[in-house]
């Protein structure tokens, strides 16, 4: 499989002089198209910083992030935003759904920044909700959904622009064990359908469900 994402000698430094702190130290990482990779490590290990850099939400202090053969360090902010919107779908622990907005309208929000005609938005949104088995709750607001259902809506939203990578940050952190297992099953199904999944979690039992597990400690990859 071709390499989809590559980090070359990535370091992220915070502070300056006496307060200087390297959250990431010389990270080298390749993720191929179609992989299911987990990134795990204890609190403060650097995994959240790594997730933000992989997701193009932050820039490394030094080194390169290459996504789909594009050196992102050479892109302007509007180019980064476009690449992020088209190539990456985000799923967060807190769901990040608009509280007074229906499941369907939450799902189609990313399309506001796409080239897809507005008349196609709702049709595509229903298709994504159906894909994650929650089409019957299209008109419900988050308050009318369980935690597991809210996360399914968040995954539908992540899928709406047909991204190459789904980046899931502690996606089961706010769910009961049954709902959490169902979300992992859904991610594994999406992976079998061709999506590249990057799961960031402190939960070792979840991390082991991926096809490849990367452990980070003190800002460095250990395995």
C-alpha atoms as a PDB file:
ATOM      1  CA  UNK A   1       0.000   0.000   0.000  1.00  0.00           C
ATOM      2  CA  UNK A   2       1.273   3.527  -0.755  1.00  0.00           C
ATOM      3  CA  UNK A   3       2.370   5.793   2.087  1.00  0.00           C
ATOM      4  CA  UNK A   4      -0.444   8.218   2.885  1.00  0.00           C
ATOM      5  CA  UNK A   5       1.081  10.127   5.792  1.00  0.00           C
ATOM      6  CA  UNK A   6       4.696  10.579   6.795  1.00  0.00           C
ATOM      7  CA  UNK A   7       6.385  12.473   9.615  1.00  0.00           C
ATOM      8  CA  UNK A   8      10.090  13.167   9.167  1.00  0.00           C
ATOM      9  CA  UNK A   9      12.194  14.222  12.165  1.00  0.00           C
ATOM     10  CA  UNK A  10       9.269  16.055  13.752  1.00  0.00           C
ATOM     11  CA  UNK A  11       9.998  17.978  16.940  1.00  0.00           C
ATOM     12  CA  UNK A  12       7.535  20.191  18.797  1.00  0.00           C
ATOM     13  CA  UNK A  13       8.960  22.614  21.336  1.00  0.00           C
ATOM     14  CA  UNK A  14       7.035  24.831  23.735  1.00  0.00           C
ATOM     15  CA  UNK A  15       8.375  27.782  25.691  1.00  0.00           C
ATOM     16  CA  UNK A  16      11.809  29.306  25.293  1.00  0.00           C
ATOM     17  CA  UNK A  17      15.186  29.433  27.028  1.00  0.00           C
ATOM     18  CA  UNK A  18      14.767  28.293  30.651  1.00  0.00           C
ATOM     19  CA  UNK A  19      11.187  27.063  30.079  1.00  0.00           C
ATOM     20  CA  UNK A  20      11.918  25.180  26.875  1.00  0.00           C
ATOM     21  CA  UNK A  21      10.143  21.816  26.659  1.00  0.00           C
ATOM     22  CA  UNK A  22      10.153  19.279  23.833  1.00  0.00           C
ATOM     23  CA  UNK A  23       6.677  17.697  23.683  1.00  0.00           C
ATOM     24  CA  UNK A  24       7.825  15.636  20.666  1.00  0.00           C
ATOM     25  CA  UNK A  25      11.406  14.677  19.922  1.00  0.00           C
ATOM     26  CA  UNK A  26      12.507  13.690  16.432  1.00  0.00           C
ATOM     27  CA  UNK A  27       9.430  11.666  15.498  1.00  0.00           C
ATOM     28  CA  UNK A  28       9.627   9.534  12.353  1.00  0.00           C
ATOM     29  CA  UNK A  29       6.436   7.767  11.326  1.00  0.00           C
ATOM     30  CA  UNK A  30       4.853   6.313   8.187  1.00  0.00           C
ATOM     31  CA  UNK A  31       1.201   5.381   7.835  1.00  0.00           C
ATOM     32  CA  UNK A  32       0.079   3.579   4.698  1.00  0.00           C
ATOM     33  CA  UNK A  33      -3.251   3.895   2.951  1.00  0.00           C
ATOM     34  CA  UNK A  34      -5.798   1.477   4.449  1.00  0.00           C
ATOM     35  CA  UNK A  35      -4.042   0.945   7.776  1.00  0.00           C
ATOM     36  CA  UNK A  36      -5.722   0.884  11.191  1.00  0.00           C
ATOM     37  CA  UNK A  37      -3.136   2.357  13.548  1.00  0.00           C
ATOM     38  CA  UNK A  38      -3.444   3.180  17.234  1.00  0.00           C
ATOM     39  CA  UNK A  39      -1.300   5.703  19.078  1.00  0.00           C
ATOM     40  CA  UNK A  40      -1.172   5.123  22.802  1.00  0.00           C
ATOM     41  CA  UNK A  41       0.744   6.284  25.816  1.00  0.00           C
ATOM     42  CA  UNK A  42       0.261   7.683  29.317  1.00  0.00           C
ATOM     43  CA  UNK A  43      -0.991  11.187  30.091  1.00  0.00           C
ATOM     44  CA  UNK A  44       1.660  13.726  29.186  1.00  0.00           C
ATOM     45  CA  UNK A  45       3.443  11.373  26.789  1.00  0.00           C
ATOM     46  CA  UNK A  46       2.954  13.617  23.771  1.00  0.00           C
ATOM     47  CA  UNK A  47       0.196  11.683  22.007  1.00  0.00           C
ATOM     48  CA  UNK A  48      -2.215  14.653  21.952  1.00  0.00           C
ATOM     49  CA  UNK A  49       0.501  16.883  20.506  1.00  0.00           C
ATOM     50  CA  UNK A  50       1.222  14.221  17.911  1.00  0.00           C
ATOM     51  CA  UNK A  51      -2.465  13.988  17.037  1.00  0.00           C
ATOM     52  CA  UNK A  52      -2.680  17.761  16.525  1.00  0.00           C
ATOM     53  CA  UNK A  53       0.316  17.702  14.203  1.00  0.00           C
ATOM     54  CA  UNK A  54      -0.960  14.694  12.237  1.00  0.00           C
ATOM     55  CA  UNK A  55      -4.321  16.462  11.929  1.00  0.00           C
ATOM     56  CA  UNK A  56      -2.666  19.668  10.663  1.00  0.00           C
ATOM     57  CA  UNK A  57      -4.129  21.508  13.644  1.00  0.00           C
ATOM     58  CA  UNK A  58      -0.648  22.561  14.769  1.00  0.00           C
ATOM     59  CA  UNK A  59       2.737  22.947  13.110  1.00  0.00           C
ATOM     60  CA  UNK A  60       5.941  21.206  14.197  1.00  0.00           C
ATOM     61  CA  UNK A  61       8.825  23.349  15.428  1.00  0.00           C
ATOM     62  CA  UNK A  62      11.048  21.413  13.054  1.00  0.00           C
ATOM     63  CA  UNK A  63      10.695  18.494  10.668  1.00  0.00           C
ATOM     64  CA  UNK A  64       8.154  17.719   7.956  1.00  0.00           C
ATOM     65  CA  UNK A  65       4.594  16.411   7.775  1.00  0.00           C
ATOM     66  CA  UNK A  66       3.845  14.957   4.353  1.00  0.00           C
ATOM     67  CA  UNK A  67       0.205  14.158   3.595  1.00  0.00           C
ATOM     68  CA  UNK A  68      -0.756  12.691   0.223  1.00  0.00           C
ATOM     69  CA  UNK A  69       2.697  13.603  -1.124  1.00  0.00           C
ATOM     70  CA  UNK A  70       2.276  17.251  -0.079  1.00  0.00           C
ATOM     71  CA  UNK A  71       4.868  18.834   2.209  1.00  0.00           C
ATOM     72  CA  UNK A  72       2.450  20.659   4.506  1.00  0.00           C
ATOM     73  CA  UNK A  73       5.144  22.986   5.884  1.00  0.00           C
ATOM     74  CA  UNK A  74       5.144  24.747   2.512  1.00  0.00           C
ATOM     75  CA  UNK A  75       1.389  25.332   2.417  1.00  0.00           C
ATOM     76  CA  UNK A  76      -0.389  28.563   3.283  1.00  0.00           C
ATOM     77  CA  UNK A  77      -3.106  28.549   5.952  1.00  0.00           C
ATOM     78  CA  UNK A  78      -5.964  28.462   3.433  1.00  0.00           C
ATOM     79  CA  UNK A  79      -4.269  25.558   1.621  1.00  0.00           C
ATOM     80  CA  UNK A  80      -3.844  23.717   4.922  1.00  0.00           C
ATOM     81  CA  UNK A  81      -7.513  24.259   5.772  1.00  0.00           C
ATOM     82  CA  UNK A  82      -8.568  22.892   2.379  1.00  0.00           C
ATOM     83  CA  UNK A  83      -6.326  19.819   2.715  1.00  0.00           C
ATOM     84  CA  UNK A  84      -7.550  19.224   6.260  1.00  0.00           C
ATOM     85  CA  UNK A  85     -11.191  19.458   5.169  1.00  0.00           C
ATOM     86  CA  UNK A  86     -10.781  17.095   2.211  1.00  0.00           C
ATOM     87  CA  UNK A  87      -8.305  14.531   3.545  1.00  0.00           C
ATOM     88  CA  UNK A  88      -9.030  14.289   7.284  1.00  0.00           C
ATOM     89  CA  UNK A  89     -12.158  13.448   9.238  1.00  0.00           C
ATOM     90  CA  UNK A  90     -12.071  14.133  12.990  1.00  0.00           C
ATOM     91  CA  UNK A  91     -13.840  12.254  15.770  1.00  0.00           C
ATOM     92  CA  UNK A  92     -13.390  13.610  19.305  1.00  0.00           C
ATOM     93  CA  UNK A  93     -14.162  12.391  22.813  1.00  0.00           C
ATOM     94  CA  UNK A  94     -16.576  15.285  23.419  1.00  0.00           C
ATOM     95  CA  UNK A  95     -18.538  14.736  20.133  1.00  0.00           C
ATOM     96  CA  UNK A  96     -18.493  18.521  19.442  1.00  0.00           C
ATOM     97  CA  UNK A  97     -22.042  18.584  18.057  1.00  0.00           C
ATOM     98  CA  UNK A  98     -24.108  21.776  17.933  1.00  0.00           C
ATOM     99  CA  UNK A  99     -26.636  21.354  20.744  1.00  0.00           C
ATOM    100  CA  UNK A 100     -29.693  22.888  19.054  1.00  0.00           C
ATOM    101  CA  UNK A 101     -29.010  21.393  15.623  1.00  0.00           C
ATOM    102  CA  UNK A 102     -30.392  18.152  14.197  1.00  0.00           C
ATOM    103  CA  UNK A 103     -28.253  15.092  13.514  1.00  0.00           C
ATOM    104  CA  UNK A 104     -28.587  15.740   9.791  1.00  0.00           C
ATOM    105  CA  UNK A 105     -27.551  19.390  10.004  1.00  0.00           C
ATOM    106  CA  UNK A 106     -24.626  18.512  12.295  1.00  0.00           C
ATOM    107  CA  UNK A 107     -23.514  15.914   9.764  1.00  0.00           C
ATOM    108  CA  UNK A 108     -23.519  18.254   6.791  1.00  0.00           C
ATOM    109  CA  UNK A 109     -21.730  21.178   8.475  1.00  0.00           C
ATOM    110  CA  UNK A 110     -18.333  20.451   6.818  1.00  0.00           C
ATOM    111  CA  UNK A 111     -20.000  20.687   3.393  1.00  0.00           C
ATOM    112  CA  UNK A 112     -20.343  24.440   3.879  1.00  0.00           C
ATOM    113  CA  UNK A 113     -16.633  24.637   3.020  1.00  0.00           C
ATOM    114  CA  UNK A 114     -16.725  22.147   0.153  1.00  0.00           C
ATOM    115  CA  UNK A 115     -17.356  22.357  -3.585  1.00  0.00           C
ATOM    116  CA  UNK A 116     -20.395  20.084  -3.346  1.00  0.00           C
ATOM    117  CA  UNK A 117     -23.592  21.874  -4.517  1.00  0.00           C
ATOM    118  CA  UNK A 118     -25.900  22.818  -1.641  1.00  0.00           C
ATOM    119  CA  UNK A 119     -28.817  20.915  -3.167  1.00  0.00           C
ATOM    120  CA  UNK A 120     -26.822  17.691  -2.654  1.00  0.00           C
ATOM    121  CA  UNK A 121     -25.997  18.300   1.021  1.00  0.00           C
ATOM    122  CA  UNK A 122     -29.018  16.729   2.715  1.00  0.00           C
ATOM    123  CA  UNK A 123     -29.018  13.716   0.411  1.00  0.00           C
ATOM    124  CA  UNK A 124     -25.368  13.069   1.204  1.00  0.00           C
ATOM    125  CA  UNK A 125     -25.967  13.659   4.918  1.00  0.00           C
ATOM    126  CA  UNK A 126     -28.735  11.043   5.009  1.00  0.00           C
ATOM    127  CA  UNK A 127     -26.432   8.636   3.200  1.00  0.00           C
ATOM    128  CA  UNK A 128     -23.723   9.090   5.846  1.00  0.00           C
ATOM    129  CA  UNK A 129     -26.177   8.724   8.731  1.00  0.00           C
ATOM    130  CA  UNK A 130     -27.418   5.522   7.119  1.00  0.00           C
ATOM    131  CA  UNK A 131     -23.827   4.314   6.812  1.00  0.00           C
ATOM    132  CA  UNK A 132     -23.346   4.585  10.583  1.00  0.00           C
ATOM    133  CA  UNK A 133     -26.799   3.078  11.297  1.00  0.00           C
ATOM    134  CA  UNK A 134     -28.502   6.171  12.715  1.00  0.00           C
ATOM    135  CA  UNK A 135     -30.566   7.407   9.774  1.00  0.00           C
ATOM    136  CA  UNK A 136     -33.738   7.055  11.866  1.00  0.00           C
ATOM    137  CA  UNK A 137     -32.477   9.824  14.212  1.00  0.00           C
ATOM    138  CA  UNK A 138     -31.760  12.378  11.456  1.00  0.00           C
ATOM    139  CA  UNK A 139     -34.127  14.980  12.937  1.00  0.00           C
ATOM    140  CA  UNK A 140     -33.075  14.501  16.576  1.00  0.00           C
ATOM    141  CA  UNK A 141     -30.904  17.011  18.419  1.00  0.00           C
ATOM    142  CA  UNK A 142     -27.946  15.793  20.547  1.00  0.00           C
ATOM    143  CA  UNK A 143     -30.038  16.060  23.735  1.00  0.00           C
ATOM    144  CA  UNK A 144     -32.387  13.462  22.252  1.00  0.00           C
ATOM    145  CA  UNK A 145     -29.562  10.995  21.576  1.00  0.00           C
ATOM    146  CA  UNK A 146     -27.528   8.641  23.744  1.00  0.00           C
ATOM    147  CA  UNK A 147     -23.770   9.098  23.959  1.00  0.00           C
ATOM    148  CA  UNK A 148     -23.184   6.275  21.501  1.00  0.00           C
ATOM    149  CA  UNK A 149     -25.679   7.775  19.067  1.00  0.00           C
ATOM    150  CA  UNK A 150     -24.034  11.189  19.333  1.00  0.00           C
ATOM    151  CA  UNK A 151     -20.681   9.627  18.491  1.00  0.00           C
ATOM    152  CA  UNK A 152     -22.203   7.945  15.441  1.00  0.00           C
ATOM    153  CA  UNK A 153     -23.418  11.339  14.257  1.00  0.00           C
ATOM    154  CA  UNK A 154     -19.898  12.687  14.826  1.00  0.00           C
ATOM    155  CA  UNK A 155     -18.491   9.842  12.720  1.00  0.00           C
ATOM    156  CA  UNK A 156     -21.057  10.550   9.969  1.00  0.00           C
ATOM    157  CA  UNK A 157     -19.880  14.165  10.020  1.00  0.00           C
ATOM    158  CA  UNK A 158     -16.255  12.997   9.792  1.00  0.00           C
ATOM    159  CA  UNK A 159     -17.130  10.908   6.729  1.00  0.00           C
ATOM    160  CA  UNK A 160     -19.139  13.539   4.864  1.00  0.00           C
ATOM    161  CA  UNK A 161     -16.253  14.831   2.712  1.00  0.00           C
ATOM    162  CA  UNK A 162     -15.010  11.303   1.961  1.00  0.00           C
ATOM    163  CA  UNK A 163     -11.635  11.824   3.686  1.00  0.00           C
ATOM    164  CA  UNK A 164      -8.713   9.433   3.296  1.00  0.00           C
ATOM    165  CA  UNK A 165      -8.034   9.410   7.058  1.00  0.00           C
ATOM    166  CA  UNK A 166     -10.331   9.222  10.068  1.00  0.00           C
ATOM    167  CA  UNK A 167      -8.500  10.608  13.106  1.00  0.00           C
ATOM    168  CA  UNK A 168     -10.268   9.455  16.267  1.00  0.00           C
ATOM    169  CA  UNK A 169      -9.145  11.003  19.555  1.00  0.00           C
ATOM    170  CA  UNK A 170     -10.379   8.966  22.563  1.00  0.00           C
ATOM    171  CA  UNK A 171     -13.657   8.262  20.684  1.00  0.00           C
ATOM    172  CA  UNK A 172     -14.988   5.975  23.443  1.00  0.00           C
ATOM    173  CA  UNK A 173     -13.865   8.116  26.382  1.00  0.00           C
ATOM    174  CA  UNK A 174     -17.359   9.399  27.233  1.00  0.00           C
ATOM    175  CA  UNK A 175     -19.209   6.166  26.475  1.00  0.00           C
ATOM    176  CA  UNK A 176     -20.267   3.116  28.453  1.00  0.00           C
ATOM    177  CA  UNK A 177     -18.427  -0.105  27.616  1.00  0.00           C
ATOM    178  CA  UNK A 178     -21.143  -1.479  25.290  1.00  0.00           C
ATOM    179  CA  UNK A 179     -21.408   1.758  23.284  1.00  0.00           C
ATOM    180  CA  UNK A 180     -17.633   2.009  23.176  1.00  0.00           C
ATOM    181  CA  UNK A 181     -17.298  -1.485  21.720  1.00  0.00           C
ATOM    182  CA  UNK A 182     -19.887  -0.640  19.075  1.00  0.00           C
ATOM    183  CA  UNK A 183     -17.953   2.483  18.047  1.00  0.00           C
ATOM    184  CA  UNK A 184     -14.737   0.460  17.705  1.00  0.00           C
ATOM    185  CA  UNK A 185     -16.632  -2.114  15.600  1.00  0.00           C
ATOM    186  CA  UNK A 186     -17.834   0.725  13.398  1.00  0.00           C
ATOM    187  CA  UNK A 187     -14.302   2.072  12.973  1.00  0.00           C
ATOM    188  CA  UNK A 188     -13.046  -1.408  12.084  1.00  0.00           C
ATOM    189  CA  UNK A 189     -15.814  -1.756   9.495  1.00  0.00           C
ATOM    190  CA  UNK A 190     -14.896   1.589   7.956  1.00  0.00           C
ATOM    191  CA  UNK A 191     -11.285   0.419   7.842  1.00  0.00           C
ATOM    192  CA  UNK A 192     -12.312  -2.735   5.973  1.00  0.00           C
ATOM    193  CA  UNK A 193     -14.126  -0.494   3.497  1.00  0.00           C
ATOM    194  CA  UNK A 194     -10.843   1.288   2.797  1.00  0.00           C
ATOM    195  CA  UNK A 195     -10.591   4.156   5.279  1.00  0.00           C
ATOM    196  CA  UNK A 196      -7.298   4.743   7.025  1.00  0.00           C
ATOM    197  CA  UNK A 197      -7.994   4.921  10.766  1.00  0.00           C
ATOM    198  CA  UNK A 198      -5.725   6.567  13.332  1.00  0.00           C
ATOM    199  CA  UNK A 199      -6.994   5.920  16.857  1.00  0.00           C
ATOM    200  CA  UNK A 200      -5.479   7.961  19.688  1.00  0.00           C
ATOM    201  CA  UNK A 201      -6.170   6.440  23.110  1.00  0.00           C
ATOM    202  CA  UNK A 202      -4.671   5.918  26.543  1.00  0.00           C
ATOM    203  CA  UNK A 203      -6.675   2.663  26.819  1.00  0.00           C
ATOM    204  CA  UNK A 204      -4.272  -0.177  26.033  1.00  0.00           C
ATOM    205  CA  UNK A 205      -7.087  -2.691  25.476  1.00  0.00           C
ATOM    206  CA  UNK A 206      -8.520  -0.468  22.723  1.00  0.00           C
ATOM    207  CA  UNK A 207      -5.110   0.273  21.254  1.00  0.00           C
ATOM    208  CA  UNK A 208      -4.446  -3.444  20.817  1.00  0.00           C
ATOM    209  CA  UNK A 209      -7.528  -3.778  18.579  1.00  0.00           C
ATOM    210  CA  UNK A 210      -5.746  -1.852  15.824  1.00  0.00           C
ATOM    211  CA  UNK A 211      -3.632  -3.650  13.247  1.00  0.00           C
ATOM    212  CA  UNK A 212      -0.557  -1.696  14.378  1.00  0.00           C
ATOM    213  CA  UNK A 213       0.054  -0.112  17.759  1.00  0.00           C
ATOM    214  CA  UNK A 214       2.428   2.807  18.269  1.00  0.00           C
ATOM    215  CA  UNK A 215       3.468   3.636  21.823  1.00  0.00           C
ATOM    216  CA  UNK A 216       4.712   7.108  22.659  1.00  0.00           C
ATOM    217  CA  UNK A 217       6.481   8.037  25.892  1.00  0.00           C
ATOM    218  CA  UNK A 218       8.273  11.240  26.843  1.00  0.00           C
ATOM    219  CA  UNK A 219       7.711  12.613  23.351  1.00  0.00           C
ATOM    220  CA  UNK A 220       9.334   9.677  21.553  1.00  0.00           C
ATOM    221  CA  UNK A 221       8.023   6.605  19.758  1.00  0.00           C
ATOM    222  CA  UNK A 222       8.994   3.499  21.709  1.00  0.00           C
ATOM    223  CA  UNK A 223       7.682   0.820  19.350  1.00  0.00           C
END
